[in-house]
Amino acid sequence: MSLAAPAGVGFGHAVMPDHWVPLSVIARTQRYSLRRVLRLSALAGVAHVALSLLLGAAIIAIGLQFRSVIERNQSLIVGGLLVLTGLVFLVMEVLGRGHSHAHDEHGGHGHGDGHHVHDHGGHVHDGRHAHDHGGRTVRLMAFVVPFGAAASPDLTILPVFLAASGLGVVAATGTLVAFSIVTIGTIVGLTMLGALAGYQLRGAWIDKGANLITAAVLLIVGALVAAGIV
């Protein structure tokens, strides 16, 4: 059996926007390093393959008739989470709480006491530290949700694997290896390319509108996934 079939299945699924666009966009808006983007996308790719194989094995065990039900609900869950996260980013931005300031971004000064006021070019920070402004929540969701979307399992490999398993262990193993390598490579490659392209876009408007950009992308991709379009 040709390895082109599992490779094509892996590529065709991994290339879908929900597997790499949210992560690459958030990598740019949250200013992740390329090393971190590489690490996260690689982990997402590995998790994607592992979950796909585990869920596929479970479906084979309980009956293939459940495959369509699981795939349909999976799309609703993943799409719904992306939409919900996009709404959180949007609300945080509207409330003025969607940004955080690192201390070294304000001239590299340190804080020696717990209650003081700094004037940073027209805006004032009270020493009781409103620096984070909900930023921890945003950063957590910025990591968990796109990673989860990229790691969501792919059941399109099932028919190919079942056909290969009828030809023997070698054919079945080769199918899984080809699927795994192409899937991980595609997710990592597209995420890195998307992040690199985003880094070429510079300007104050990107940083100021980072959460709005993130919200728009997550809402669009999430709606498309939930609707079963992608």
C-alpha atoms as a PDB file:
ATOM      1  CA  MET A   1       0.000   0.000   0.000  1.00  0.00           C
ATOM      2  CA  SER A   2       1.337   3.411  -0.951  1.00  0.00           C
ATOM      3  CA  LEU A   3       2.371   5.707   1.870  1.00  0.00           C
ATOM      4  CA  ALA A   4       0.990   8.623  -0.143  1.00  0.00           C
ATOM      5  CA  ALA A   5      -2.498   7.927   1.213  1.00  0.00           C
ATOM      6  CA  PRO A   6      -1.728   8.373   4.947  1.00  0.00           C
ATOM      7  CA  ALA A   7       0.650  11.240   4.148  1.00  0.00           C
ATOM      8  CA  GLY A   8      -2.072  12.961   2.125  1.00  0.00           C
ATOM      9  CA  VAL A   9      -4.612  12.439   4.902  1.00  0.00           C
ATOM     10  CA  GLY A  10      -2.227  13.856   7.485  1.00  0.00           C
ATOM     11  CA  PHE A  11      -1.387  16.889   5.372  1.00  0.00           C
ATOM     12  CA  GLY A  12      -4.967  17.515   4.297  1.00  0.00           C
ATOM     13  CA  HIS A  13      -6.165  17.644   7.882  1.00  0.00           C
ATOM     14  CA  ALA A  14      -3.205  19.437   9.472  1.00  0.00           C
ATOM     15  CA  VAL A  15      -3.336  22.214   6.874  1.00  0.00           C
ATOM     16  CA  MET A  16      -6.800  23.258   8.084  1.00  0.00           C
ATOM     17  CA  PRO A  17      -6.722  26.741   9.695  1.00  0.00           C
ATOM     18  CA  ASP A  18      -7.759  25.645  13.186  1.00  0.00           C
ATOM     19  CA  HIS A  19      -4.559  23.599  13.531  1.00  0.00           C
ATOM     20  CA  TRP A  20      -2.076  26.428  13.044  1.00  0.00           C
ATOM     21  CA  VAL A  21      -3.636  29.867  12.475  1.00  0.00           C
ATOM     22  CA  PRO A  22      -4.701  30.547  16.105  1.00  0.00           C
ATOM     23  CA  LEU A  23      -1.322  29.504  17.468  1.00  0.00           C
ATOM     24  CA  SER A  24       0.674  31.502  14.926  1.00  0.00           C
ATOM     25  CA  VAL A  25      -1.465  34.626  15.363  1.00  0.00           C
ATOM     26  CA  ILE A  26      -1.257  34.499  19.148  1.00  0.00           C
ATOM     27  CA  ALA A  27       2.487  33.873  18.880  1.00  0.00           C
ATOM     28  CA  ARG A  28       2.741  37.220  17.076  1.00  0.00           C
ATOM     29  CA  THR A  29       0.313  39.217  19.200  1.00  0.00           C
ATOM     30  CA  GLN A  30       1.751  37.869  22.459  1.00  0.00           C
ATOM     31  CA  ARG A  31       5.296  38.208  21.065  1.00  0.00           C
ATOM     32  CA  TYR A  32       6.456  34.646  21.617  1.00  0.00           C
ATOM     33  CA  SER A  33      10.022  33.823  20.666  1.00  0.00           C
ATOM     34  CA  LEU A  34      10.522  31.612  17.614  1.00  0.00           C
ATOM     35  CA  ARG A  35      11.999  28.948  19.873  1.00  0.00           C
ATOM     36  CA  ARG A  36       8.827  28.928  21.932  1.00  0.00           C
ATOM     37  CA  VAL A  37       6.657  28.802  18.801  1.00  0.00           C
ATOM     38  CA  LEU A  38       8.680  25.828  17.540  1.00  0.00           C
ATOM     39  CA  ARG A  39       8.351  24.051  20.872  1.00  0.00           C
ATOM     40  CA  LEU A  40       4.617  24.665  21.209  1.00  0.00           C
ATOM     41  CA  SER A  41       3.802  23.707  17.634  1.00  0.00           C
ATOM     42  CA  ALA A  42       5.888  20.533  17.912  1.00  0.00           C
ATOM     43  CA  LEU A  43       4.113  19.585  21.142  1.00  0.00           C
ATOM     44  CA  ALA A  44       0.763  20.333  19.523  1.00  0.00           C
ATOM     45  CA  GLY A  45       1.661  18.136  16.556  1.00  0.00           C
ATOM     46  CA  VAL A  46       2.725  15.236  18.759  1.00  0.00           C
ATOM     47  CA  ALA A  47      -0.402  15.600  20.908  1.00  0.00           C
ATOM     48  CA  HIS A  48      -2.523  15.728  17.752  1.00  0.00           C
ATOM     49  CA  VAL A  49      -1.101  12.450  16.472  1.00  0.00           C
ATOM     50  CA  ALA A  50      -1.308  10.734  19.872  1.00  0.00           C
ATOM     51  CA  LEU A  51      -4.923  11.766  20.457  1.00  0.00           C
ATOM     52  CA  SER A  52      -5.878  10.797  16.905  1.00  0.00           C
ATOM     53  CA  LEU A  53      -4.446   7.308  17.320  1.00  0.00           C
ATOM     54  CA  LEU A  54      -5.939   6.806  20.789  1.00  0.00           C
ATOM     55  CA  LEU A  55      -9.389   7.989  19.761  1.00  0.00           C
ATOM     56  CA  GLY A  56      -9.170   5.974  16.558  1.00  0.00           C
ATOM     57  CA  ALA A  57      -8.357   2.841  18.538  1.00  0.00           C
ATOM     58  CA  ALA A  58     -11.261   3.524  20.894  1.00  0.00           C
ATOM     59  CA  ILE A  59     -13.678   3.961  17.982  1.00  0.00           C
ATOM     60  CA  ILE A  60     -12.524   0.709  16.400  1.00  0.00           C
ATOM     61  CA  ALA A  61     -13.087  -0.999  19.737  1.00  0.00           C
ATOM     62  CA  ILE A  62     -16.586   0.354  20.376  1.00  0.00           C
ATOM     63  CA  GLY A  63     -17.775   0.454  16.776  1.00  0.00           C
ATOM     64  CA  LEU A  64     -17.192   2.599  13.720  1.00  0.00           C
ATOM     65  CA  GLN A  65     -20.784   3.833  13.770  1.00  0.00           C
ATOM     66  CA  PHE A  66     -19.776   6.272  16.522  1.00  0.00           C
ATOM     67  CA  ARG A  67     -17.177   7.960  14.344  1.00  0.00           C
ATOM     68  CA  SER A  68     -19.526  10.506  12.736  1.00  0.00           C
ATOM     69  CA  VAL A  69     -21.075  11.408  16.090  1.00  0.00           C
ATOM     70  CA  ILE A  70     -17.663  11.999  17.661  1.00  0.00           C
ATOM     71  CA  GLU A  71     -16.379  14.030  14.713  1.00  0.00           C
ATOM     72  CA  ARG A  72     -19.478  16.236  14.704  1.00  0.00           C
ATOM     73  CA  ASN A  73     -19.336  16.923  18.433  1.00  0.00           C
ATOM     74  CA  GLN A  74     -15.583  17.444  18.282  1.00  0.00           C
ATOM     75  CA  SER A  75     -16.028  20.241  15.741  1.00  0.00           C
ATOM     76  CA  LEU A  76     -18.642  21.918  17.913  1.00  0.00           C
ATOM     77  CA  ILE A  77     -16.458  21.677  21.017  1.00  0.00           C
ATOM     78  CA  VAL A  78     -13.241  22.932  19.382  1.00  0.00           C
ATOM     79  CA  GLY A  79     -15.039  25.664  17.437  1.00  0.00           C
ATOM     80  CA  GLY A  80     -17.001  26.708  20.493  1.00  0.00           C
ATOM     81  CA  LEU A  81     -13.847  26.993  22.610  1.00  0.00           C
ATOM     82  CA  LEU A  82     -12.156  29.146  19.974  1.00  0.00           C
ATOM     83  CA  VAL A  83     -15.203  31.419  19.746  1.00  0.00           C
ATOM     84  CA  LEU A  84     -15.451  31.651  23.536  1.00  0.00           C
ATOM     85  CA  THR A  85     -11.778  32.561  23.832  1.00  0.00           C
ATOM     86  CA  GLY A  86     -12.163  35.162  21.104  1.00  0.00           C
ATOM     87  CA  LEU A  87     -15.043  36.708  23.040  1.00  0.00           C
ATOM     88  CA  VAL A  88     -12.919  36.774  26.201  1.00  0.00           C
ATOM     89  CA  PHE A  89     -10.170  38.654  24.359  1.00  0.00           C
ATOM     90  CA  LEU A  90     -12.761  41.060  22.980  1.00  0.00           C
ATOM     91  CA  VAL A  91     -14.366  41.721  26.365  1.00  0.00           C
ATOM     92  CA  MET A  92     -10.990  42.174  28.058  1.00  0.00           C
ATOM     93  CA  GLU A  93     -10.011  44.706  25.402  1.00  0.00           C
ATOM     94  CA  VAL A  94     -13.273  46.630  25.731  1.00  0.00           C
ATOM     95  CA  LEU A  95     -12.863  46.714  29.502  1.00  0.00           C
ATOM     96  CA  GLY A  96      -9.277  47.900  29.101  1.00  0.00           C
ATOM     97  CA  ARG A  97      -7.914  44.856  30.876  1.00  0.00           C
ATOM     98  CA  GLY A  98      -6.534  42.889  27.959  1.00  0.00           C
ATOM     99  CA  HIS A  99      -2.961  44.114  28.200  1.00  0.00           C
ATOM    100  CA  SER A 100      -0.160  43.723  30.650  1.00  0.00           C
ATOM    101  CA  HIS A 101       3.063  45.622  31.116  1.00  0.00           C
ATOM    102  CA  ALA A 102       6.322  43.952  31.911  1.00  0.00           C
ATOM    103  CA  HIS A 103       8.383  45.974  34.357  1.00  0.00           C
ATOM    104  CA  ASP A 104      11.383  46.045  32.059  1.00  0.00           C
ATOM    105  CA  GLU A 105       9.321  47.707  29.339  1.00  0.00           C
ATOM    106  CA  HIS A 106       9.268  50.902  31.358  1.00  0.00           C
ATOM    107  CA  GLY A 107      12.902  51.836  31.315  1.00  0.00           C
ATOM    108  CA  GLY A 108      14.183  48.740  33.101  1.00  0.00           C
ATOM    109  CA  HIS A 109      13.532  50.052  36.591  1.00  0.00           C
ATOM    110  CA  GLY A 110      13.036  47.781  39.587  1.00  0.00           C
ATOM    111  CA  HIS A 111      10.427  47.983  42.301  1.00  0.00           C
ATOM    112  CA  GLY A 112      11.845  48.060  45.771  1.00  0.00           C
ATOM    113  CA  ASP A 113       8.659  48.582  47.731  1.00  0.00           C
ATOM    114  CA  GLY A 114       5.088  47.466  47.555  1.00  0.00           C
ATOM    115  CA  HIS A 115       3.262  50.787  47.308  1.00  0.00           C
ATOM    116  CA  HIS A 116       4.430  53.567  45.039  1.00  0.00           C
ATOM    117  CA  VAL A 117       3.445  55.463  41.935  1.00  0.00           C
ATOM    118  CA  HIS A 118       5.279  55.723  38.633  1.00  0.00           C
ATOM    119  CA  ASP A 119       4.534  58.102  35.787  1.00  0.00           C
ATOM    120  CA  HIS A 120       5.343  56.435  32.460  1.00  0.00           C
ATOM    121  CA  GLY A 121       4.898  59.088  29.828  1.00  0.00           C
ATOM    122  CA  GLY A 122       1.422  60.180  30.697  1.00  0.00           C
ATOM    123  CA  HIS A 123      -0.103  57.134  32.412  1.00  0.00           C
ATOM    124  CA  VAL A 124       0.217  56.349  36.062  1.00  0.00           C
ATOM    125  CA  HIS A 125       0.732  53.010  37.756  1.00  0.00           C
ATOM    126  CA  ASP A 126      -0.219  52.684  41.357  1.00  0.00           C
ATOM    127  CA  GLY A 127       2.276  50.695  43.427  1.00  0.00           C
ATOM    128  CA  ARG A 128      -0.345  48.163  44.414  1.00  0.00           C
ATOM    129  CA  HIS A 129       0.284  46.726  40.951  1.00  0.00           C
ATOM    130  CA  ALA A 130      -2.503  46.952  38.469  1.00  0.00           C
ATOM    131  CA  HIS A 131       0.211  46.039  35.921  1.00  0.00           C
ATOM    132  CA  ASP A 132      -1.302  42.735  35.005  1.00  0.00           C
ATOM    133  CA  HIS A 133      -4.857  43.897  34.289  1.00  0.00           C
ATOM    134  CA  GLY A 134      -6.154  40.386  33.817  1.00  0.00           C
ATOM    135  CA  GLY A 135      -3.155  39.563  31.658  1.00  0.00           C
ATOM    136  CA  ARG A 136      -2.532  36.241  33.374  1.00  0.00           C
ATOM    137  CA  THR A 137      -5.963  35.001  32.337  1.00  0.00           C
ATOM    138  CA  VAL A 138      -5.417  36.197  28.782  1.00  0.00           C
ATOM    139  CA  ARG A 139      -1.978  34.594  28.570  1.00  0.00           C
ATOM    140  CA  LEU A 140      -3.293  31.310  29.940  1.00  0.00           C
ATOM    141  CA  MET A 141      -6.131  31.174  27.428  1.00  0.00           C
ATOM    142  CA  ALA A 142      -3.779  32.328  24.686  1.00  0.00           C
ATOM    143  CA  PHE A 143      -1.738  29.211  25.353  1.00  0.00           C
ATOM    144  CA  VAL A 144      -4.322  26.558  26.200  1.00  0.00           C
ATOM    145  CA  VAL A 145      -7.005  27.105  23.558  1.00  0.00           C
ATOM    146  CA  PRO A 146      -4.914  27.374  20.366  1.00  0.00           C
ATOM    147  CA  PHE A 147      -2.776  24.476  21.593  1.00  0.00           C
ATOM    148  CA  GLY A 148      -5.901  22.435  22.219  1.00  0.00           C
ATOM    149  CA  ALA A 149      -7.289  23.270  18.784  1.00  0.00           C
ATOM    150  CA  ALA A 150      -4.066  22.165  17.111  1.00  0.00           C
ATOM    151  CA  ALA A 151      -4.017  18.971  19.171  1.00  0.00           C
ATOM    152  CA  SER A 152      -7.635  18.042  18.412  1.00  0.00           C
ATOM    153  CA  PRO A 153      -7.733  14.489  17.028  1.00  0.00           C
ATOM    154  CA  ASP A 154      -8.072  13.570  13.358  1.00  0.00           C
ATOM    155  CA  LEU A 155     -10.236  10.551  12.530  1.00  0.00           C
ATOM    156  CA  THR A 156      -9.792  10.723   8.759  1.00  0.00           C
ATOM    157  CA  ILE A 157      -6.872   8.308   9.095  1.00  0.00           C
ATOM    158  CA  LEU A 158      -9.193   5.471  10.186  1.00  0.00           C
ATOM    159  CA  PRO A 159     -10.250   4.172   6.742  1.00  0.00           C
ATOM    160  CA  VAL A 160      -6.647   4.280   5.508  1.00  0.00           C
ATOM    161  CA  PHE A 161      -5.363   2.494   8.587  1.00  0.00           C
ATOM    162  CA  LEU A 162      -8.044  -0.177   8.435  1.00  0.00           C
ATOM    163  CA  ALA A 163      -7.241  -0.845   4.780  1.00  0.00           C
ATOM    164  CA  ALA A 164      -3.522  -1.048   5.553  1.00  0.00           C
ATOM    165  CA  SER A 165      -4.035  -3.320   8.556  1.00  0.00           C
ATOM    166  CA  GLY A 166      -5.552  -5.906   6.244  1.00  0.00           C
ATOM    167  CA  LEU A 167      -2.209  -6.061   4.425  1.00  0.00           C
ATOM    168  CA  GLY A 168      -0.183  -6.838   7.525  1.00  0.00           C
ATOM    169  CA  VAL A 169       1.697  -5.270  10.406  1.00  0.00           C
ATOM    170  CA  VAL A 170       4.345  -3.624   8.228  1.00  0.00           C
ATOM    171  CA  ALA A 171       1.775  -1.838   6.085  1.00  0.00           C
ATOM    172  CA  ALA A 172      -0.211  -0.697   9.139  1.00  0.00           C
ATOM    173  CA  THR A 173       2.920   0.559  10.899  1.00  0.00           C
ATOM    174  CA  GLY A 174       4.112   2.380   7.799  1.00  0.00           C
ATOM    175  CA  THR A 175       0.717   4.059   7.526  1.00  0.00           C
ATOM    176  CA  LEU A 176       0.889   5.365  11.084  1.00  0.00           C
ATOM    177  CA  VAL A 177       4.492   6.531  10.723  1.00  0.00           C
ATOM    178  CA  ALA A 178       3.788   8.404   7.480  1.00  0.00           C
ATOM    179  CA  PHE A 179       0.661   9.990   8.970  1.00  0.00           C
ATOM    180  CA  SER A 180       2.535  11.039  12.116  1.00  0.00           C
ATOM    181  CA  ILE A 181       5.569  12.547  10.374  1.00  0.00           C
ATOM    182  CA  VAL A 182       3.574  14.512   7.812  1.00  0.00           C
ATOM    183  CA  THR A 183       1.027  15.737  10.367  1.00  0.00           C
ATOM    184  CA  ILE A 184       3.623  16.990  12.851  1.00  0.00           C
ATOM    185  CA  GLY A 185       5.751  18.518  10.100  1.00  0.00           C
ATOM    186  CA  THR A 186       2.765  20.333   8.596  1.00  0.00           C
ATOM    187  CA  ILE A 187       1.549  21.790  11.897  1.00  0.00           C
ATOM    188  CA  VAL A 188       5.060  22.919  12.878  1.00  0.00           C
ATOM    189  CA  GLY A 189       5.905  24.272   9.428  1.00  0.00           C
ATOM    190  CA  LEU A 190       2.701  26.259   8.927  1.00  0.00           C
ATOM    191  CA  THR A 191       2.713  27.617  12.481  1.00  0.00           C
ATOM    192  CA  MET A 192       6.313  28.779  12.114  1.00  0.00           C
ATOM    193  CA  LEU A 193       5.635  30.327   8.698  1.00  0.00           C
ATOM    194  CA  GLY A 194       2.546  32.089  10.036  1.00  0.00           C
ATOM    195  CA  ALA A 195       4.445  33.443  13.038  1.00  0.00           C
ATOM    196  CA  LEU A 196       7.377  34.563  10.868  1.00  0.00           C
ATOM    197  CA  ALA A 197       5.014  36.348   8.500  1.00  0.00           C
ATOM    198  CA  GLY A 198       3.379  38.050  11.472  1.00  0.00           C
ATOM    199  CA  TYR A 199       6.745  39.222  12.801  1.00  0.00           C
ATOM    200  CA  GLN A 200       7.329  41.039   9.513  1.00  0.00           C
ATOM    201  CA  LEU A 201       4.323  43.215  10.272  1.00  0.00           C
ATOM    202  CA  ARG A 202       5.484  45.982  12.546  1.00  0.00           C
ATOM    203  CA  GLY A 203       3.790  49.032  13.907  1.00  0.00           C
ATOM    204  CA  ALA A 204       2.242  50.439  17.035  1.00  0.00           C
ATOM    205  CA  TRP A 205      -1.211  49.522  15.740  1.00  0.00           C
ATOM    206  CA  ILE A 206      -0.391  45.812  15.987  1.00  0.00           C
ATOM    207  CA  ASP A 207       0.606  45.985  19.642  1.00  0.00           C
ATOM    208  CA  LYS A 208      -2.256  48.312  20.508  1.00  0.00           C
ATOM    209  CA  GLY A 209      -4.778  46.130  18.705  1.00  0.00           C
ATOM    210  CA  ALA A 210      -3.204  42.785  19.595  1.00  0.00           C
ATOM    211  CA  ASN A 211      -6.205  41.524  21.534  1.00  0.00           C
ATOM    212  CA  LEU A 212      -8.675  42.730  18.903  1.00  0.00           C
ATOM    213  CA  ILE A 213      -6.676  40.963  16.181  1.00  0.00           C
ATOM    214  CA  THR A 214      -6.534  37.804  18.271  1.00  0.00           C
ATOM    215  CA  ALA A 215     -10.253  37.979  19.034  1.00  0.00           C
ATOM    216  CA  ALA A 216     -11.161  38.429  15.364  1.00  0.00           C
ATOM    217  CA  VAL A 217      -9.045  35.469  14.255  1.00  0.00           C
ATOM    218  CA  LEU A 218     -10.363  33.161  16.984  1.00  0.00           C
ATOM    219  CA  LEU A 219     -13.983  34.150  16.337  1.00  0.00           C
ATOM    220  CA  ILE A 220     -13.691  33.588  12.581  1.00  0.00           C
ATOM    221  CA  VAL A 221     -11.804  30.298  12.777  1.00  0.00           C
ATOM    222  CA  GLY A 222     -13.971  29.048  15.644  1.00  0.00           C
ATOM    223  CA  ALA A 223     -17.185  29.807  13.764  1.00  0.00           C
ATOM    224  CA  LEU A 224     -15.910  28.026  10.658  1.00  0.00           C
ATOM    225  CA  VAL A 225     -14.896  24.956  12.694  1.00  0.00           C
ATOM    226  CA  ALA A 226     -18.186  24.817  14.617  1.00  0.00           C
ATOM    227  CA  ALA A 227     -20.115  25.088  11.351  1.00  0.00           C
ATOM    228  CA  GLY A 228     -18.118  22.227   9.881  1.00  0.00           C
ATOM    229  CA  ILE A 229     -16.727  24.373   7.084  1.00  0.00           C
ATOM    230  CA  VAL A 230     -13.089  23.717   8.047  1.00  0.00           C
END
